[in-house]
Amino acid sequence: MYDIPDLSTSYGLIFPNQVADGIREAADRKLDEWKKRATAEGVEASSHLEFGSPERVIVHYAQEAKMDLIVMATRGLGAIEHILLGSVAERTMRTATCPVLTIRANPTT
């Protein structure tokens, strides 16, 4: 289905094809579900699934699609988690050629 031999993550994990295919299929299903929900609410929606370094994929796709704005949720990692994992939103903001709007996912207040 995909020509990627193995799926690797930003954190150095590599998933064999069987696992990677399952991840892709689950992601496709979730994207379709979200797209249907948005369309039901009257929002024009499309989806695009790509694998790679998240910030690079996001920025590249935004440039190719000539997007005016990138909107993304953030989880608000703690200091230690942020040091260890970094922030996709932060790296996206640093490299994007268009504005990036971040919204905190599941705000506590």
Protein backbone atom coordinates (compact mmCIF):
# COMPACT_ATOMS: atom_id res chain seq x y z
CA MET A 1 0.00 0.00 0.00
CA TYR A 2 2.80 2.44 0.92
CA ASP A 3 6.33 2.43 -0.43
CA ILE A 4 7.92 3.20 2.93
CA PRO A 5 9.79 0.06 4.08
CA ASP A 6 9.56 0.79 7.78
CA LEU A 7 7.96 3.52 9.82
CA SER A 8 10.40 5.42 12.01
CA THR A 9 9.53 8.08 14.55
CA SER A 10 11.19 11.30 15.64
CA TYR A 11 12.32 9.48 18.76
CA GLY A 12 14.31 6.82 16.90
CA LEU A 13 11.72 4.03 17.14
CA ILE A 14 11.34 1.88 14.06
CA PHE A 15 8.19 -0.13 13.47
CA PRO A 16 8.21 -3.16 11.13
CA ASN A 17 5.91 -3.06 8.09
CA GLN A 18 3.08 -5.02 9.72
CA VAL A 19 2.91 -2.64 12.68
CA ALA A 20 3.43 0.40 10.46
CA ASP A 21 0.56 -0.67 8.18
CA GLY A 22 -1.71 -0.98 11.22
CA ILE A 23 -0.70 2.49 12.38
CA ARG A 24 -1.39 3.95 8.93
CA GLU A 25 -4.79 2.25 8.68
CA ALA A 26 -5.81 3.46 12.14
CA ALA A 27 -4.66 6.99 11.27
CA ASP A 28 -6.64 6.90 7.99
CA ARG A 29 -9.78 5.79 9.86
CA LYS A 30 -9.38 8.54 12.47
CA LEU A 31 -8.84 11.22 9.81
CA ASP A 32 -11.95 10.05 7.95
CA GLU A 33 -13.94 10.18 11.19
CA TRP A 34 -12.80 13.75 11.94
CA LYS A 35 -13.43 14.84 8.36
CA LYS A 36 -16.99 13.46 8.47
CA ARG A 37 -17.66 15.24 11.78
CA ALA A 38 -16.38 18.54 10.40
CA THR A 39 -18.40 18.16 7.20
CA ALA A 40 -21.53 17.38 9.24
CA GLU A 41 -21.01 20.71 11.02
CA GLY A 42 -20.77 22.55 7.70
CA VAL A 43 -16.99 22.89 7.65
CA GLU A 44 -15.19 22.18 4.38
CA ALA A 45 -12.61 19.57 5.30
CA SER A 46 -9.92 17.51 3.65
CA SER A 47 -7.25 15.24 5.04
CA HIS A 48 -3.67 14.40 4.19
CA LEU A 49 -1.66 11.62 5.81
CA GLU A 50 2.10 11.64 5.61
CA PHE A 51 4.86 10.15 7.75
CA GLY A 52 8.16 11.67 8.77
CA SER A 53 9.52 14.26 11.16
CA PRO A 54 6.30 16.02 12.27
CA GLU A 55 7.48 19.61 12.04
CA ARG A 56 9.17 19.04 8.68
CA VAL A 57 6.12 17.30 7.21
CA ILE A 58 3.76 20.01 8.52
CA VAL A 59 5.91 22.91 7.26
CA HIS A 60 6.55 21.26 3.88
CA TYR A 61 2.85 20.49 3.34
CA ALA A 62 1.85 24.03 4.36
CA GLN A 63 4.31 25.45 1.83
CA GLU A 64 3.23 23.09 -0.96
CA ALA A 65 -0.47 23.82 -0.31
CA LYS A 66 0.24 27.57 -0.03
CA MET A 67 -1.46 27.74 3.35
CA ASP A 68 -1.92 31.08 5.08
CA LEU A 69 -2.06 29.67 8.62
CA ILE A 70 -1.14 26.51 10.52
CA VAL A 71 -3.34 25.74 13.53
CA MET A 72 -2.20 23.07 15.95
CA ALA A 73 -2.97 21.88 19.44
CA THR A 74 -0.33 21.66 22.15
CA ARG A 75 -0.30 19.38 25.16
CA GLY A 76 1.60 21.69 27.49
CA LEU A 77 4.39 19.30 28.46
CA GLY A 78 6.13 19.75 31.78
CA ALA A 79 9.73 21.01 31.87
CA ILE A 80 11.36 17.56 31.99
CA GLU A 81 9.11 16.15 29.25
CA HIS A 82 9.78 19.23 27.14
CA ILE A 83 13.55 18.82 27.50
CA LEU A 84 13.39 15.11 26.64
CA LEU A 85 10.77 15.19 23.90
CA GLY A 86 10.83 18.78 22.66
CA SER A 87 7.79 20.43 21.18
CA VAL A 88 6.52 19.80 17.67
CA ALA A 89 4.53 23.04 17.86
CA GLU A 90 7.60 25.00 18.91
CA ARG A 91 9.77 23.54 16.14
CA THR A 92 6.96 24.15 13.64
CA MET A 93 6.69 27.80 14.70
CA ARG A 94 10.44 28.26 14.25
CA THR A 95 10.53 26.88 10.71
CA ALA A 96 7.15 27.73 9.18
CA THR A 97 6.93 30.43 6.54
CA CYS A 98 3.37 31.32 7.55
CA PRO A 99 1.87 32.15 10.98
CA VAL A 100 1.27 29.28 13.41
CA LEU A 101 -1.62 29.43 15.89
CA THR A 102 -1.33 27.08 18.85
CA ILE A 103 -4.24 26.09 21.06
CA ARG A 104 -3.81 24.23 24.32
CA ALA A 105 -5.44 20.82 24.14
CA ASN A 106 -7.62 19.96 27.14
CA PRO A 107 -7.08 23.19 29.10
CA THR A 108 -7.41 22.74 32.84
CA THR A 109 -9.01 26.14 33.39
